[in-house]
Every structure is written in structure tokens, then in C-alpha cells.
Amino acid sequence: MRHHLAVAVALALSLCVPSARAHHSMAMFDQTRKVTVTGTVRQFEWTNPHCYIQLTVKGANGANEDWSMEMGAPMYLYAEGWRPSTVKPGSQINVTINPLRNGGKGGVVLTVTTMDGKPLGKKA
């Protein structure tokens, strides 16, 4: 019976580990580029496994565009001085990201600053 349980656990782990690695891959982001986006916070999602800043940005044609910026897990952000109330809906911020490779409106967050240039998090 123990042998069957050990085999079942090993099989389950072998099936889960590749997807966990894929989930944490940065391949979807262009790490050779940095883009700074300025906009109004629509929502700050303090959730596992990643936090997100949902930002409304004025596009080149003047229309509003919704951008989604991925961040780390809450436990890592907390260690960096972030709190669930650090960014509030309606706040205007600048977000520097590595953009999505596919050209979509989003990316992974590198830095966030207030409109007067004050960094958010421990760098504040």
C-alpha cells in the first residue's frame, strides 16, 4: 500500500511541477524593453498568486485603454513595503513595466511612482 501511495504522490508531483514552472515563467514579457505607462488606477488586486494593477490609460487616439500590470505575490510585495491600500482606485500613477511580447496592453511591473515622482514600496 505504501508503494502505491508513493507512486501516486510522485506521479502527482511530476504532473504539477512543469505547470508550476510554466506559470512562473517570464517568457511572456519582453525583458529587453521598459515602457512607462501613466494612468488612473481602476483597481489594485491584492490576490494570490499575483497582485495586479488595473490602469486606465489615454491611448494615442485619445480613447481610454485598459492595461493590466502583473506584480509579485502579496507576501513578496509586503516585504517590499506594499500594502493592500498602497494604491487606491482613482489615483494617478506612473508604472514602468517589461511589456507583453504579444503587444497587448500589459506587462510585469518594475517600478511604480506617484505623479510627483515618489516611488511606492520600500523605495519610497
N, C-alpha and C. Protein backbone atom coordinates (compact mmCIF):
# COMPACT_ATOMS: atom_id res chain seq x y z
N MET A 1 0.82 -1.19 0.00
CA MET A 1 0.00 0.00 0.00
C MET A 1 0.86 1.26 0.00
N ARG A 2 1.94 1.25 0.80
CA ARG A 2 2.83 2.42 0.84
C ARG A 2 3.46 2.67 -0.52
N HIS A 3 3.81 1.60 -1.20
CA HIS A 3 4.42 1.72 -2.53
C HIS A 3 3.45 2.41 -3.50
N HIS A 4 2.18 2.03 -3.45
CA HIS A 4 1.17 2.63 -4.33
C HIS A 4 0.98 4.11 -4.00
N LEU A 5 1.00 4.44 -2.72
CA LEU A 5 0.86 5.83 -2.30
C LEU A 5 2.06 6.65 -2.76
N ALA A 6 3.26 6.11 -2.61
CA ALA A 6 4.47 6.81 -3.04
C ALA A 6 4.45 7.04 -4.54
N VAL A 7 4.03 6.04 -5.29
CA VAL A 7 3.95 6.17 -6.75
C VAL A 7 2.91 7.24 -7.12
N ALA A 8 1.78 7.24 -6.45
CA ALA A 8 0.73 8.23 -6.73
C ALA A 8 1.22 9.64 -6.43
N VAL A 9 1.92 9.82 -5.32
CA VAL A 9 2.45 11.15 -4.96
C VAL A 9 3.50 11.58 -5.98
N ALA A 10 4.40 10.68 -6.35
CA ALA A 10 5.43 11.02 -7.34
C ALA A 10 4.81 11.40 -8.67
N LEU A 11 3.80 10.67 -9.10
CA LEU A 11 3.12 10.98 -10.35
C LEU A 11 2.43 12.34 -10.27
N ALA A 12 1.76 12.59 -9.17
CA ALA A 12 1.09 13.88 -9.00
C ALA A 12 2.09 15.03 -9.04
N LEU A 13 3.21 14.86 -8.37
CA LEU A 13 4.24 15.91 -8.37
C LEU A 13 4.82 16.10 -9.76
N SER A 14 5.05 15.02 -10.48
CA SER A 14 5.63 15.16 -11.82
C SER A 14 4.67 15.87 -12.76
N LEU A 15 3.38 15.73 -12.53
CA LEU A 15 2.40 16.41 -13.36
C LEU A 15 2.26 17.89 -12.99
N CYS A 16 2.46 18.19 -11.71
CA CYS A 16 2.27 19.57 -11.24
C CYS A 16 3.49 20.44 -11.45
N VAL A 17 4.67 19.90 -11.29
CA VAL A 17 5.88 20.72 -11.34
C VAL A 17 6.06 21.43 -12.67
N PRO A 18 5.89 20.77 -13.83
CA PRO A 18 6.06 21.51 -15.08
C PRO A 18 5.09 22.67 -15.22
N SER A 19 3.85 22.51 -14.78
CA SER A 19 2.91 23.61 -14.90
C SER A 19 3.27 24.74 -13.93
N ALA A 20 3.82 24.40 -12.78
CA ALA A 20 4.25 25.45 -11.85
C ALA A 20 5.39 26.24 -12.45
N ARG A 21 6.33 25.53 -13.10
CA ARG A 21 7.43 26.25 -13.73
C ARG A 21 6.92 27.13 -14.85
N ALA A 22 6.00 26.64 -15.64
CA ALA A 22 5.46 27.42 -16.75
C ALA A 22 4.72 28.64 -16.22
N HIS A 23 4.02 28.46 -15.10
CA HIS A 23 3.27 29.57 -14.53
C HIS A 23 4.19 30.72 -14.12
N HIS A 24 5.36 30.40 -13.63
CA HIS A 24 6.27 31.43 -13.15
C HIS A 24 7.26 31.88 -14.21
N SER A 25 7.08 31.47 -15.41
CA SER A 25 7.96 31.87 -16.50
C SER A 25 7.74 33.35 -16.82
N MET A 26 8.81 34.01 -17.18
CA MET A 26 8.73 35.42 -17.60
C MET A 26 8.76 35.52 -19.12
N ALA A 27 8.60 34.40 -19.81
CA ALA A 27 8.71 34.37 -21.26
C ALA A 27 7.69 35.26 -21.95
N MET A 28 6.55 35.50 -21.34
CA MET A 28 5.52 36.31 -21.99
C MET A 28 5.85 37.81 -21.96
N PHE A 29 6.87 38.19 -21.20
CA PHE A 29 7.26 39.59 -21.09
C PHE A 29 8.56 39.85 -21.83
N ASP A 30 8.64 41.00 -22.50
CA ASP A 30 9.85 41.39 -23.22
C ASP A 30 10.79 42.08 -22.23
N GLN A 31 11.71 41.31 -21.67
CA GLN A 31 12.61 41.84 -20.65
C GLN A 31 13.72 42.71 -21.23
N THR A 32 13.77 42.85 -22.54
CA THR A 32 14.75 43.74 -23.17
C THR A 32 14.21 45.16 -23.29
N ARG A 33 12.91 45.33 -23.01
CA ARG A 33 12.29 46.65 -23.15
C ARG A 33 11.66 47.09 -21.84
N LYS A 34 11.68 48.39 -21.63
CA LYS A 34 10.98 49.01 -20.50
C LYS A 34 10.06 50.07 -21.07
N VAL A 35 8.83 50.08 -20.59
CA VAL A 35 7.84 51.06 -21.03
C VAL A 35 7.25 51.69 -19.79
N THR A 36 7.08 53.01 -19.79
CA THR A 36 6.41 53.67 -18.68
C THR A 36 5.03 54.10 -19.15
N VAL A 37 4.04 53.69 -18.37
CA VAL A 37 2.64 53.97 -18.68
C VAL A 37 2.08 54.84 -17.56
N THR A 38 1.38 55.90 -17.94
CA THR A 38 0.77 56.81 -16.96
C THR A 38 -0.74 56.69 -17.08
N GLY A 39 -1.40 56.56 -15.94
CA GLY A 39 -2.85 56.45 -16.00
C GLY A 39 -3.48 56.52 -14.63
N THR A 40 -4.77 56.19 -14.61
CA THR A 40 -5.58 56.22 -13.40
C THR A 40 -5.87 54.79 -12.96
N VAL A 41 -5.62 54.53 -11.68
CA VAL A 41 -5.86 53.19 -11.14
C VAL A 41 -7.36 52.90 -11.18
N ARG A 42 -7.72 51.82 -11.84
CA ARG A 42 -9.09 51.34 -11.84
C ARG A 42 -9.29 50.37 -10.69
N GLN A 43 -8.25 49.52 -10.48
CA GLN A 43 -8.33 48.54 -9.40
C GLN A 43 -6.92 48.08 -9.04
N PHE A 44 -6.71 47.83 -7.74
CA PHE A 44 -5.47 47.20 -7.27
C PHE A 44 -5.89 45.89 -6.66
N GLU A 45 -5.49 44.79 -7.30
CA GLU A 45 -5.88 43.46 -6.86
C GLU A 45 -4.78 42.85 -6.00
N TRP A 46 -5.04 42.75 -4.71
CA TRP A 46 -4.12 42.16 -3.73
C TRP A 46 -4.51 40.69 -3.58
N THR A 47 -4.07 39.85 -4.52
CA THR A 47 -4.51 38.47 -4.57
C THR A 47 -3.34 37.53 -4.83
N ASN A 48 -3.51 36.28 -4.42
CA ASN A 48 -2.55 35.23 -4.77
C ASN A 48 -2.98 34.60 -6.08
N PRO A 49 -2.09 34.16 -6.92
CA PRO A 49 -0.66 34.10 -6.70
C PRO A 49 0.06 35.39 -7.09
N HIS A 50 -0.63 36.32 -7.75
CA HIS A 50 -0.01 37.58 -8.16
C HIS A 50 -0.97 38.73 -7.89
N CYS A 51 -0.40 39.88 -7.58
CA CYS A 51 -1.18 41.10 -7.48
C CYS A 51 -1.19 41.77 -8.85
N TYR A 52 -2.20 42.59 -9.08
CA TYR A 52 -2.32 43.28 -10.36
C TYR A 52 -2.72 44.72 -10.13
N ILE A 53 -2.22 45.60 -10.99
CA ILE A 53 -2.72 46.96 -11.07
C ILE A 53 -3.47 47.05 -12.39
N GLN A 54 -4.76 47.39 -12.29
CA GLN A 54 -5.57 47.62 -13.48
C GLN A 54 -5.60 49.14 -13.68
N LEU A 55 -5.11 49.59 -14.82
CA LEU A 55 -4.90 51.01 -15.07
C LEU A 55 -5.68 51.45 -16.30
N THR A 56 -6.29 52.62 -16.23
CA THR A 56 -6.93 53.23 -17.38
C THR A 56 -5.97 54.27 -17.93
N VAL A 57 -5.60 54.10 -19.20
CA VAL A 57 -4.58 54.92 -19.85
C VAL A 57 -5.19 55.59 -21.07
N LYS A 58 -4.84 56.86 -21.32
CA LYS A 58 -5.26 57.54 -22.55
C LYS A 58 -4.39 57.02 -23.69
N GLY A 59 -5.03 56.46 -24.70
CA GLY A 59 -4.30 55.94 -25.85
C GLY A 59 -3.88 57.05 -26.79
N ALA A 60 -3.12 56.69 -27.81
CA ALA A 60 -2.62 57.67 -28.80
C ALA A 60 -3.77 58.40 -29.48
N ASN A 61 -4.91 57.72 -29.64
CA ASN A 61 -6.06 58.35 -30.30
C ASN A 61 -6.97 59.10 -29.31
N GLY A 62 -6.57 59.16 -28.04
CA GLY A 62 -7.33 59.86 -27.01
C GLY A 62 -8.37 59.02 -26.31
N ALA A 63 -8.59 57.80 -26.80
CA ALA A 63 -9.56 56.91 -26.16
C ALA A 63 -8.93 56.23 -24.95
N ASN A 64 -9.77 55.89 -23.96
CA ASN A 64 -9.28 55.17 -22.79
C ASN A 64 -8.97 53.72 -23.15
N GLU A 65 -7.85 53.23 -22.61
CA GLU A 65 -7.43 51.85 -22.79
C GLU A 65 -7.24 51.23 -21.40
N ASP A 66 -7.64 49.99 -21.27
CA ASP A 66 -7.43 49.26 -20.02
C ASP A 66 -6.14 48.47 -20.11
N TRP A 67 -5.24 48.70 -19.15
CA TRP A 67 -3.97 47.99 -19.06
C TRP A 67 -3.98 47.14 -17.80
N SER A 68 -3.34 45.97 -17.86
CA SER A 68 -3.24 45.08 -16.71
C SER A 68 -1.76 44.82 -16.44
N MET A 69 -1.31 45.21 -15.26
CA MET A 69 0.09 45.07 -14.89
C MET A 69 0.23 44.03 -13.79
N GLU A 70 1.03 43.00 -14.06
CA GLU A 70 1.24 41.91 -13.11
C GLU A 70 2.36 42.26 -12.15
N MET A 71 2.16 41.85 -10.89
CA MET A 71 3.16 42.06 -9.85
C MET A 71 3.46 40.72 -9.19
N GLY A 72 4.25 40.74 -8.14
CA GLY A 72 4.56 39.53 -7.39
C GLY A 72 3.42 39.14 -6.47
N ALA A 73 3.65 38.11 -5.69
CA ALA A 73 2.68 37.65 -4.70
C ALA A 73 2.61 38.64 -3.55
N PRO A 74 1.46 38.70 -2.86
CA PRO A 74 1.32 39.64 -1.74
C PRO A 74 2.43 39.52 -0.70
N MET A 75 2.88 38.30 -0.40
CA MET A 75 3.93 38.16 0.63
C MET A 75 5.23 38.85 0.21
N TYR A 76 5.55 38.82 -1.08
CA TYR A 76 6.77 39.49 -1.56
C TYR A 76 6.57 41.00 -1.60
N LEU A 77 5.40 41.43 -2.04
CA LEU A 77 5.13 42.86 -2.08
C LEU A 77 5.11 43.45 -0.66
N TYR A 78 4.55 42.70 0.28
CA TYR A 78 4.50 43.16 1.67
C TYR A 78 5.92 43.41 2.19
N ALA A 79 6.83 42.50 1.86
CA ALA A 79 8.23 42.65 2.28
C ALA A 79 8.88 43.86 1.64
N GLU A 80 8.34 44.29 0.51
CA GLU A 80 8.87 45.47 -0.19
C GLU A 80 8.15 46.76 0.21
N GLY A 81 7.32 46.67 1.24
CA GLY A 81 6.67 47.88 1.75
C GLY A 81 5.29 48.15 1.17
N TRP A 82 4.80 47.28 0.31
CA TRP A 82 3.46 47.43 -0.25
C TRP A 82 2.42 46.93 0.74
N ARG A 83 1.24 47.54 0.69
CA ARG A 83 0.09 47.11 1.48
C ARG A 83 -1.13 47.11 0.56
N PRO A 84 -2.21 46.44 0.94
CA PRO A 84 -3.40 46.44 0.09
C PRO A 84 -3.93 47.85 -0.22
N SER A 85 -3.60 48.81 0.64
CA SER A 85 -4.08 50.19 0.45
C SER A 85 -3.03 51.11 -0.17
N THR A 86 -1.91 50.57 -0.62
CA THR A 86 -0.84 51.42 -1.18
C THR A 86 -1.32 52.18 -2.41
N VAL A 87 -2.09 51.51 -3.25
CA VAL A 87 -2.60 52.12 -4.47
C VAL A 87 -4.12 52.06 -4.41
N LYS A 88 -4.76 53.21 -4.54
CA LYS A 88 -6.22 53.27 -4.44
C LYS A 88 -6.84 53.62 -5.79
N PRO A 89 -8.04 53.09 -6.07
CA PRO A 89 -8.73 53.47 -7.29
C PRO A 89 -8.86 54.99 -7.39
N GLY A 90 -8.64 55.50 -8.58
CA GLY A 90 -8.70 56.94 -8.81
C GLY A 90 -7.35 57.62 -8.73
N SER A 91 -6.36 56.95 -8.15
CA SER A 91 -5.01 57.53 -8.06
C SER A 91 -4.37 57.55 -9.43
N GLN A 92 -3.62 58.59 -9.70
CA GLN A 92 -2.85 58.65 -10.94
C GLN A 92 -1.42 58.25 -10.62
N ILE A 93 -0.88 57.34 -11.42
CA ILE A 93 0.46 56.81 -11.18
C ILE A 93 1.20 56.59 -12.50
N ASN A 94 2.51 56.44 -12.37
CA ASN A 94 3.38 56.04 -13.48
C ASN A 94 3.87 54.64 -13.16
N VAL A 95 3.75 53.73 -14.13
CA VAL A 95 4.16 52.35 -13.93
C VAL A 95 5.16 51.99 -15.02
N THR A 96 6.36 51.59 -14.61
CA THR A 96 7.35 51.12 -15.57
C THR A 96 7.27 49.60 -15.59
N ILE A 97 7.15 49.05 -16.80
CA ILE A 97 6.94 47.62 -16.97
C ILE A 97 7.88 47.05 -18.03
N ASN A 98 8.04 45.73 -17.99
CA ASN A 98 8.51 44.98 -19.15
C ASN A 98 7.21 44.60 -19.85
N PRO A 99 6.98 45.10 -21.07
CA PRO A 99 5.69 44.88 -21.72
C PRO A 99 5.49 43.44 -22.19
N LEU A 100 4.25 43.12 -22.49
CA LEU A 100 3.92 41.82 -23.06
C LEU A 100 4.58 41.68 -24.43
N ARG A 101 5.11 40.52 -24.73
CA ARG A 101 5.74 40.26 -26.02
C ARG A 101 4.74 40.34 -27.18
N ASN A 102 3.47 39.99 -26.90
CA ASN A 102 2.48 39.94 -27.96
C ASN A 102 1.90 41.31 -28.31
N GLY A 103 2.41 42.37 -27.66
CA GLY A 103 1.94 43.72 -27.95
C GLY A 103 0.68 44.10 -27.21
N GLY A 104 0.19 43.23 -26.34
CA GLY A 104 -1.01 43.52 -25.56
C GLY A 104 -0.78 44.66 -24.58
N LYS A 105 -1.85 45.11 -24.00
CA LYS A 105 -1.80 46.24 -23.08
C LYS A 105 -1.58 45.74 -21.65
N GLY A 106 -0.31 45.46 -21.36
CA GLY A 106 0.04 44.97 -20.04
C GLY A 106 1.51 44.64 -19.96
N GLY A 107 1.91 44.15 -18.80
CA GLY A 107 3.29 43.78 -18.59
C GLY A 107 3.54 43.44 -17.14
N VAL A 108 4.80 43.23 -16.82
CA VAL A 108 5.18 42.94 -15.45
C VAL A 108 5.79 44.21 -14.85
N VAL A 109 5.36 44.56 -13.65
CA VAL A 109 5.74 45.82 -13.01
C VAL A 109 7.19 45.79 -12.55
N LEU A 110 7.90 46.86 -12.89
CA LEU A 110 9.27 47.07 -12.40
C LEU A 110 9.26 48.12 -11.31
N THR A 111 8.64 49.26 -11.56
CA THR A 111 8.54 50.34 -10.57
C THR A 111 7.19 51.04 -10.71
N VAL A 112 6.76 51.64 -9.60
CA VAL A 112 5.54 52.45 -9.60
C VAL A 112 5.89 53.75 -8.87
N THR A 113 5.51 54.87 -9.47
CA THR A 113 5.74 56.17 -8.82
C THR A 113 4.46 56.99 -8.87
N THR A 114 4.36 57.91 -7.92
CA THR A 114 3.28 58.87 -7.93
C THR A 114 3.54 59.87 -9.04
N MET A 115 2.59 60.71 -9.32
CA MET A 115 2.74 61.69 -10.40
C MET A 115 3.87 62.69 -10.10
N ASP A 116 4.20 62.89 -8.81
CA ASP A 116 5.30 63.80 -8.47
C ASP A 116 6.63 63.07 -8.36
N GLY A 117 6.65 61.78 -8.80
CA GLY A 117 7.91 61.04 -8.86
C GLY A 117 8.28 60.24 -7.63
N LYS A 118 7.42 60.22 -6.62
CA LYS A 118 7.73 59.47 -5.40
C LYS A 118 7.51 57.97 -5.64
N PRO A 119 8.56 57.16 -5.42
CA PRO A 119 8.39 55.71 -5.61
C PRO A 119 7.52 55.09 -4.53
N LEU A 120 6.76 54.07 -4.92
CA LEU A 120 5.93 53.34 -3.98
C LEU A 120 6.64 52.06 -3.57
N GLY A 121 6.41 51.63 -2.34
CA GLY A 121 7.10 50.46 -1.80
C GLY A 121 8.25 50.91 -0.92
N LYS A 122 9.21 50.02 -0.68
CA LYS A 122 10.35 50.32 0.20
C LYS A 122 11.21 51.46 -0.34
N LYS A 123 11.18 51.63 -1.63
CA LYS A 123 11.98 52.70 -2.22
C LYS A 123 11.39 54.07 -1.92
N ALA A 124 10.19 54.06 -1.32
CA ALA A 124 9.51 55.32 -1.03
C ALA A 124 10.20 56.08 0.09
